[in-house]
Amino acid sequence: MGWITLEVRSRRRAELVDITGRVAEVVERSGVRDGTCHVFVPHTTAGVTINEGADPDVARDIESHLGEMVPKEAVFQHAEGNSDSHIKTVLIGPSCEAPVRQGKLALGRWQAIFLCEWDGPRTRQVEVAVSPV
C-alpha cells in the first residue's frame, strides 16, 4: 500500500488536532491484520503524538502549558518569529507508532493520535504507512 498522505487543517496557531479516525481508516483499508501503523509529519513546526483523546481539556492543557514553557515572546536568534514552534516540535517529535491488531488500530482505551500544530493555522501533511509484523 505504501505511504498515504492526509491533509489536516488547523484553525489556531497552537492546536492539537485529533486525527485518530482518519488514521484508523488508512489502517482498515491497508488490509494488514497484525502490524504497525507509522505516522510521520514532514514539518519542522508541527509534530504528532499519542495522548488522551477522551477529554478535550487534556489537549488544551498540553497546548497552553507548552506555550508557557516555550513562549512565543521569548528572545530567539531565528528571525522568522516561530522559534517557539520549532522547539515545541522537538519536544513532541515528528512521528509515532501504534500497533495494528486484527485489522484495526489498537490504541489504548483513552488514547488518540494528534497532529500538534505550533505555527498555524495551516494545512499540513501527515504521512501514514501500515506494515505487517
N, C-alpha and C. Protein backbone atom coordinates (compact mmCIF):
# COMPACT_ATOMS: atom_id res chain seq x y z
N MET A 1 0.83 -1.20 0.00
CA MET A 1 0.00 0.00 0.00
C MET A 1 0.86 1.26 0.00
N GLY A 2 2.00 1.25 0.68
CA GLY A 2 2.88 2.41 0.71
C GLY A 2 2.37 3.50 1.64
N TRP A 3 3.00 4.65 1.56
CA TRP A 3 2.63 5.79 2.39
C TRP A 3 1.40 6.48 1.83
N ILE A 4 0.49 6.85 2.71
CA ILE A 4 -0.71 7.61 2.36
C ILE A 4 -0.57 8.99 2.98
N THR A 5 -0.84 10.03 2.20
CA THR A 5 -0.76 11.39 2.71
C THR A 5 -2.15 11.91 3.05
N LEU A 6 -2.30 12.35 4.30
CA LEU A 6 -3.53 13.00 4.74
C LEU A 6 -3.26 14.49 4.85
N GLU A 7 -4.20 15.31 4.42
CA GLU A 7 -4.10 16.75 4.64
C GLU A 7 -4.94 17.11 5.85
N VAL A 8 -4.33 17.87 6.76
CA VAL A 8 -5.00 18.24 8.00
C VAL A 8 -4.91 19.76 8.16
N ARG A 9 -6.03 20.39 8.39
CA ARG A 9 -6.10 21.85 8.53
C ARG A 9 -6.25 22.21 10.00
N SER A 10 -5.37 23.08 10.47
CA SER A 10 -5.51 23.61 11.84
C SER A 10 -6.21 24.96 11.77
N ARG A 11 -6.80 25.36 12.89
CA ARG A 11 -7.54 26.62 12.94
C ARG A 11 -6.88 27.69 13.80
N ARG A 12 -5.92 27.25 14.65
CA ARG A 12 -5.26 28.19 15.57
C ARG A 12 -3.75 28.05 15.44
N ARG A 13 -3.03 29.00 16.01
CA ARG A 13 -1.56 28.93 15.97
C ARG A 13 -1.07 27.68 16.67
N ALA A 14 -1.59 27.41 17.86
CA ALA A 14 -1.24 26.20 18.61
C ALA A 14 -2.51 25.38 18.79
N GLU A 15 -2.48 24.16 18.28
CA GLU A 15 -3.70 23.34 18.35
C GLU A 15 -3.34 21.87 18.19
N LEU A 16 -3.90 21.02 19.04
CA LEU A 16 -3.81 19.58 18.87
C LEU A 16 -5.07 19.14 18.12
N VAL A 17 -4.87 18.61 16.92
CA VAL A 17 -5.98 18.19 16.06
C VAL A 17 -6.06 16.67 16.11
N ASP A 18 -7.20 16.14 16.54
CA ASP A 18 -7.39 14.69 16.62
C ASP A 18 -7.53 14.11 15.22
N ILE A 19 -6.60 13.25 14.84
CA ILE A 19 -6.61 12.63 13.51
C ILE A 19 -6.82 11.12 13.61
N THR A 20 -7.24 10.64 14.77
CA THR A 20 -7.38 9.20 15.00
C THR A 20 -8.28 8.53 13.98
N GLY A 21 -9.44 9.08 13.73
CA GLY A 21 -10.39 8.46 12.80
C GLY A 21 -9.82 8.33 11.40
N ARG A 22 -9.12 9.34 10.95
CA ARG A 22 -8.55 9.31 9.61
C ARG A 22 -7.42 8.29 9.51
N VAL A 23 -6.60 8.21 10.56
CA VAL A 23 -5.52 7.22 10.58
C VAL A 23 -6.12 5.81 10.64
N ALA A 24 -7.16 5.63 11.44
CA ALA A 24 -7.82 4.33 11.56
C ALA A 24 -8.37 3.87 10.20
N GLU A 25 -8.88 4.80 9.40
CA GLU A 25 -9.39 4.46 8.07
C GLU A 25 -8.26 3.93 7.18
N VAL A 26 -7.09 4.56 7.26
CA VAL A 26 -5.94 4.09 6.47
C VAL A 26 -5.57 2.67 6.90
N VAL A 27 -5.56 2.43 8.20
CA VAL A 27 -5.24 1.10 8.71
C VAL A 27 -6.23 0.08 8.17
N GLU A 28 -7.51 0.37 8.25
CA GLU A 28 -8.54 -0.58 7.82
C GLU A 28 -8.47 -0.85 6.32
N ARG A 29 -8.15 0.18 5.52
CA ARG A 29 -8.03 0.00 4.06
C ARG A 29 -6.75 -0.74 3.67
N SER A 30 -5.76 -0.77 4.57
CA SER A 30 -4.46 -1.36 4.23
C SER A 30 -4.51 -2.86 4.03
N GLY A 31 -5.46 -3.52 4.70
CA GLY A 31 -5.52 -4.98 4.62
C GLY A 31 -4.57 -5.69 5.56
N VAL A 32 -3.78 -4.95 6.31
CA VAL A 32 -2.85 -5.55 7.27
C VAL A 32 -3.63 -6.01 8.49
N ARG A 33 -3.48 -7.28 8.85
CA ARG A 33 -4.20 -7.82 10.01
C ARG A 33 -3.46 -7.51 11.31
N ASP A 34 -2.16 -7.75 11.33
CA ASP A 34 -1.35 -7.50 12.52
C ASP A 34 -0.06 -6.83 12.07
N GLY A 35 0.25 -5.69 12.73
CA GLY A 35 1.45 -4.97 12.33
C GLY A 35 1.60 -3.68 13.09
N THR A 36 2.15 -2.69 12.39
CA THR A 36 2.44 -1.39 12.99
C THR A 36 1.95 -0.29 12.07
N CYS A 37 1.34 0.72 12.66
CA CYS A 37 0.94 1.93 11.94
C CYS A 37 1.97 3.01 12.25
N HIS A 38 2.59 3.54 11.22
CA HIS A 38 3.59 4.60 11.35
C HIS A 38 2.93 5.92 10.94
N VAL A 39 3.10 6.95 11.74
CA VAL A 39 2.55 8.27 11.44
C VAL A 39 3.72 9.26 11.52
N PHE A 40 3.91 10.05 10.45
CA PHE A 40 5.04 10.97 10.35
C PHE A 40 4.55 12.31 9.82
N VAL A 41 5.06 13.39 10.39
CA VAL A 41 4.73 14.74 9.94
C VAL A 41 6.00 15.38 9.37
N PRO A 42 6.02 15.69 8.05
CA PRO A 42 7.22 16.24 7.43
C PRO A 42 7.32 17.76 7.56
N HIS A 43 7.21 18.24 8.78
CA HIS A 43 7.24 19.68 9.03
C HIS A 43 8.14 19.95 10.24
N THR A 44 8.71 21.13 10.31
CA THR A 44 9.58 21.48 11.44
C THR A 44 8.89 22.30 12.51
N THR A 45 7.63 22.66 12.27
CA THR A 45 6.88 23.41 13.28
C THR A 45 5.55 22.73 13.61
N ALA A 46 5.48 21.44 13.35
CA ALA A 46 4.32 20.62 13.73
C ALA A 46 4.83 19.22 14.03
N GLY A 47 4.17 18.55 14.95
CA GLY A 47 4.55 17.20 15.31
C GLY A 47 3.34 16.30 15.39
N VAL A 48 3.55 15.12 15.93
CA VAL A 48 2.46 14.17 16.10
C VAL A 48 2.71 13.39 17.39
N THR A 49 1.63 13.11 18.10
CA THR A 49 1.76 12.38 19.36
C THR A 49 0.51 11.56 19.62
N ILE A 50 0.64 10.63 20.55
CA ILE A 50 -0.48 9.86 21.06
C ILE A 50 -0.69 10.27 22.51
N ASN A 51 -1.92 10.66 22.84
CA ASN A 51 -2.23 11.06 24.20
C ASN A 51 -3.73 10.90 24.42
N GLU A 52 -4.21 11.39 25.54
CA GLU A 52 -5.63 11.21 25.85
C GLU A 52 -6.51 11.97 24.88
N GLY A 53 -7.51 11.26 24.35
CA GLY A 53 -8.45 11.88 23.44
C GLY A 53 -9.87 11.95 23.99
N ALA A 54 -10.10 11.31 25.13
CA ALA A 54 -11.46 11.28 25.69
C ALA A 54 -11.88 12.63 26.25
N ASP A 55 -10.96 13.34 26.86
CA ASP A 55 -11.26 14.63 27.47
C ASP A 55 -10.52 15.72 26.70
N PRO A 56 -11.21 16.57 25.96
CA PRO A 56 -10.54 17.61 25.16
C PRO A 56 -9.74 18.61 26.00
N ASP A 57 -10.01 18.66 27.30
CA ASP A 57 -9.23 19.55 28.16
C ASP A 57 -7.76 19.14 28.23
N VAL A 58 -7.46 17.86 28.04
CA VAL A 58 -6.07 17.40 28.07
C VAL A 58 -5.30 18.06 26.91
N ALA A 59 -5.87 18.04 25.71
CA ALA A 59 -5.21 18.66 24.56
C ALA A 59 -5.02 20.15 24.79
N ARG A 60 -6.03 20.81 25.34
CA ARG A 60 -5.91 22.24 25.63
C ARG A 60 -4.84 22.51 26.69
N ASP A 61 -4.74 21.63 27.68
CA ASP A 61 -3.70 21.78 28.70
C ASP A 61 -2.31 21.63 28.09
N ILE A 62 -2.15 20.68 27.19
CA ILE A 62 -0.85 20.50 26.52
C ILE A 62 -0.51 21.75 25.72
N GLU A 63 -1.47 22.26 24.95
CA GLU A 63 -1.25 23.48 24.18
C GLU A 63 -0.82 24.63 25.08
N SER A 64 -1.56 24.87 26.15
CA SER A 64 -1.29 26.04 26.99
C SER A 64 0.00 25.89 27.79
N HIS A 65 0.27 24.71 28.31
CA HIS A 65 1.46 24.56 29.14
C HIS A 65 2.74 24.53 28.31
N LEU A 66 2.70 23.97 27.10
CA LEU A 66 3.87 24.09 26.25
C LEU A 66 4.08 25.56 25.84
N GLY A 67 2.98 26.29 25.70
CA GLY A 67 3.08 27.73 25.43
C GLY A 67 3.74 28.48 26.58
N GLU A 68 3.46 28.06 27.81
CA GLU A 68 4.11 28.68 28.97
C GLU A 68 5.58 28.27 29.07
N MET A 69 5.87 27.00 28.77
CA MET A 69 7.25 26.51 28.83
C MET A 69 8.14 27.17 27.78
N VAL A 70 7.58 27.37 26.59
CA VAL A 70 8.33 27.94 25.46
C VAL A 70 7.47 29.05 24.87
N PRO A 71 7.50 30.23 25.47
CA PRO A 71 6.64 31.32 24.99
C PRO A 71 7.11 31.90 23.65
N LYS A 72 6.16 32.30 22.83
CA LYS A 72 6.46 32.93 21.54
C LYS A 72 7.26 34.20 21.72
N GLU A 73 7.04 34.90 22.81
CA GLU A 73 7.66 36.20 23.04
C GLU A 73 9.09 36.12 23.57
N ALA A 74 9.61 34.93 23.80
CA ALA A 74 10.98 34.80 24.30
C ALA A 74 11.97 35.32 23.26
N VAL A 75 13.20 35.54 23.68
CA VAL A 75 14.25 36.03 22.78
C VAL A 75 14.88 34.83 22.07
N PHE A 76 14.86 34.86 20.74
CA PHE A 76 15.41 33.79 19.92
C PHE A 76 16.32 34.39 18.85
N GLN A 77 17.24 33.61 18.33
CA GLN A 77 18.12 34.04 17.25
C GLN A 77 17.43 33.95 15.89
N HIS A 78 16.60 32.97 15.70
CA HIS A 78 15.90 32.72 14.43
C HIS A 78 14.98 33.90 14.13
N ALA A 79 15.12 34.50 12.97
CA ALA A 79 14.44 35.77 12.66
C ALA A 79 13.00 35.62 12.19
N GLU A 80 12.53 34.42 11.91
CA GLU A 80 11.17 34.25 11.38
C GLU A 80 10.07 34.47 12.40
N GLY A 81 10.41 34.44 13.67
CA GLY A 81 9.39 34.64 14.70
C GLY A 81 8.64 33.39 15.10
N ASN A 82 9.18 32.23 14.73
CA ASN A 82 8.49 30.99 15.09
C ASN A 82 9.41 29.97 15.77
N SER A 83 10.47 30.46 16.41
CA SER A 83 11.39 29.55 17.09
C SER A 83 10.70 28.72 18.16
N ASP A 84 9.72 29.33 18.83
CA ASP A 84 8.97 28.57 19.84
C ASP A 84 8.32 27.34 19.21
N SER A 85 7.84 27.49 17.98
CA SER A 85 7.19 26.38 17.28
C SER A 85 8.19 25.25 16.99
N HIS A 86 9.39 25.62 16.59
CA HIS A 86 10.43 24.62 16.33
C HIS A 86 10.77 23.86 17.61
N ILE A 87 10.90 24.58 18.71
CA ILE A 87 11.25 23.94 19.98
C ILE A 87 10.14 23.01 20.46
N LYS A 88 8.89 23.44 20.34
CA LYS A 88 7.76 22.59 20.74
C LYS A 88 7.73 21.32 19.89
N THR A 89 8.10 21.42 18.62
CA THR A 89 8.15 20.25 17.75
C THR A 89 9.25 19.29 18.20
N VAL A 90 10.38 19.84 18.64
CA VAL A 90 11.45 18.99 19.16
C VAL A 90 10.94 18.22 20.39
N LEU A 91 10.18 18.88 21.24
CA LEU A 91 9.66 18.24 22.45
C LEU A 91 8.64 17.14 22.13
N ILE A 92 7.79 17.36 21.15
CA ILE A 92 6.75 16.40 20.78
C ILE A 92 7.28 15.32 19.84
N GLY A 93 8.04 15.72 18.85
CA GLY A 93 8.58 14.78 17.86
C GLY A 93 7.75 14.73 16.60
N PRO A 94 8.38 14.29 15.49
CA PRO A 94 7.71 14.27 14.20
C PRO A 94 6.99 12.96 13.87
N SER A 95 7.04 11.96 14.75
CA SER A 95 6.45 10.68 14.39
C SER A 95 5.99 9.91 15.62
N CYS A 96 5.13 8.92 15.36
CA CYS A 96 4.70 7.99 16.40
C CYS A 96 4.28 6.70 15.73
N GLU A 97 4.15 5.66 16.53
CA GLU A 97 3.72 4.36 16.04
C GLU A 97 2.64 3.81 16.95
N ALA A 98 1.79 2.97 16.38
CA ALA A 98 0.76 2.29 17.15
C ALA A 98 0.58 0.89 16.58
N PRO A 99 0.21 -0.06 17.42
CA PRO A 99 0.00 -1.41 16.91
C PRO A 99 -1.28 -1.54 16.09
N VAL A 100 -1.25 -2.50 15.20
CA VAL A 100 -2.43 -2.89 14.43
C VAL A 100 -2.72 -4.34 14.81
N ARG A 101 -3.95 -4.57 15.25
CA ARG A 101 -4.36 -5.93 15.63
C ARG A 101 -5.71 -6.23 14.99
N GLN A 102 -5.77 -7.38 14.35
CA GLN A 102 -7.00 -7.83 13.69
C GLN A 102 -7.56 -6.77 12.74
N GLY A 103 -6.65 -6.10 12.02
CA GLY A 103 -7.04 -5.13 11.01
C GLY A 103 -7.49 -3.78 11.53
N LYS A 104 -7.30 -3.53 12.82
CA LYS A 104 -7.75 -2.27 13.44
C LYS A 104 -6.59 -1.59 14.17
N LEU A 105 -6.65 -0.28 14.24
CA LEU A 105 -5.72 0.50 15.04
C LEU A 105 -5.94 0.12 16.50
N ALA A 106 -4.89 -0.29 17.21
CA ALA A 106 -5.04 -0.83 18.57
C ALA A 106 -4.48 0.16 19.60
N LEU A 107 -5.18 1.26 19.75
CA LEU A 107 -4.80 2.24 20.77
C LEU A 107 -5.40 1.85 22.11
N GLY A 108 -4.87 2.43 23.18
CA GLY A 108 -5.43 2.23 24.50
C GLY A 108 -6.80 2.89 24.60
N ARG A 109 -7.51 2.54 25.62
CA ARG A 109 -8.90 2.98 25.81
C ARG A 109 -9.08 4.49 25.66
N TRP A 110 -8.19 5.28 26.22
CA TRP A 110 -8.34 6.74 26.22
C TRP A 110 -7.48 7.43 25.18
N GLN A 111 -6.68 6.67 24.43
CA GLN A 111 -5.70 7.27 23.53
C GLN A 111 -6.28 7.75 22.20
N ALA A 112 -5.64 8.80 21.67
CA ALA A 112 -5.95 9.33 20.35
C ALA A 112 -4.64 9.80 19.72
N ILE A 113 -4.65 9.94 18.40
CA ILE A 113 -3.48 10.44 17.68
C ILE A 113 -3.76 11.89 17.32
N PHE A 114 -2.79 12.76 17.62
CA PHE A 114 -2.96 14.19 17.39
C PHE A 114 -1.86 14.74 16.50
N LEU A 115 -2.26 15.55 15.51
CA LEU A 115 -1.33 16.46 14.85
C LEU A 115 -1.15 17.62 15.81
N CYS A 116 0.07 17.95 16.13
CA CYS A 116 0.36 19.05 17.06
C CYS A 116 0.85 20.25 16.26
N GLU A 117 -0.04 21.18 16.05
CA GLU A 117 0.26 22.39 15.28
C GLU A 117 0.82 23.45 16.22
N TRP A 118 1.97 24.03 15.86
CA TRP A 118 2.58 25.07 16.69
C TRP A 118 2.77 26.38 15.93
N ASP A 119 2.47 26.40 14.62
CA ASP A 119 2.71 27.60 13.82
C ASP A 119 1.58 27.80 12.80
N GLY A 120 0.36 27.64 13.26
CA GLY A 120 -0.79 27.71 12.37
C GLY A 120 -1.46 29.06 12.41
N PRO A 121 -2.64 29.09 11.83
CA PRO A 121 -3.30 27.98 11.16
C PRO A 121 -2.65 27.65 9.81
N ARG A 122 -2.63 26.36 9.51
CA ARG A 122 -2.03 25.88 8.27
C ARG A 122 -2.71 24.59 7.82
N THR A 123 -2.41 24.22 6.59
CA THR A 123 -2.74 22.89 6.10
C THR A 123 -1.46 22.09 6.14
N ARG A 124 -1.49 20.96 6.81
CA ARG A 124 -0.30 20.12 7.00
C ARG A 124 -0.50 18.77 6.33
N GLN A 125 0.61 18.14 6.03
CA GLN A 125 0.58 16.78 5.51
C GLN A 125 0.96 15.84 6.66
N VAL A 126 0.23 14.74 6.73
CA VAL A 126 0.53 13.67 7.68
C VAL A 126 0.70 12.40 6.86
N GLU A 127 1.85 11.78 6.98
CA GLU A 127 2.16 10.56 6.24
C GLU A 127 1.86 9.35 7.10
N VAL A 128 1.11 8.39 6.56
CA VAL A 128 0.71 7.20 7.30
C VAL A 128 1.09 5.96 6.49
N ALA A 129 1.73 5.01 7.14
CA ALA A 129 2.04 3.72 6.50
C ALA A 129 1.72 2.61 7.49
N VAL A 130 1.28 1.49 6.96
CA VAL A 130 0.96 0.33 7.78
C VAL A 130 1.82 -0.83 7.32
N SER A 131 2.56 -1.42 8.26
CA SER A 131 3.47 -2.51 7.94
C SER A 131 3.03 -3.77 8.69
N PRO A 132 3.06 -4.92 8.01
CA PRO A 132 2.74 -6.16 8.70
C PRO A 132 3.87 -6.55 9.64
N VAL A 133 3.54 -7.36 10.64
CA VAL A 133 4.56 -7.86 11.57
C VAL A 133 5.41 -8.87 10.84
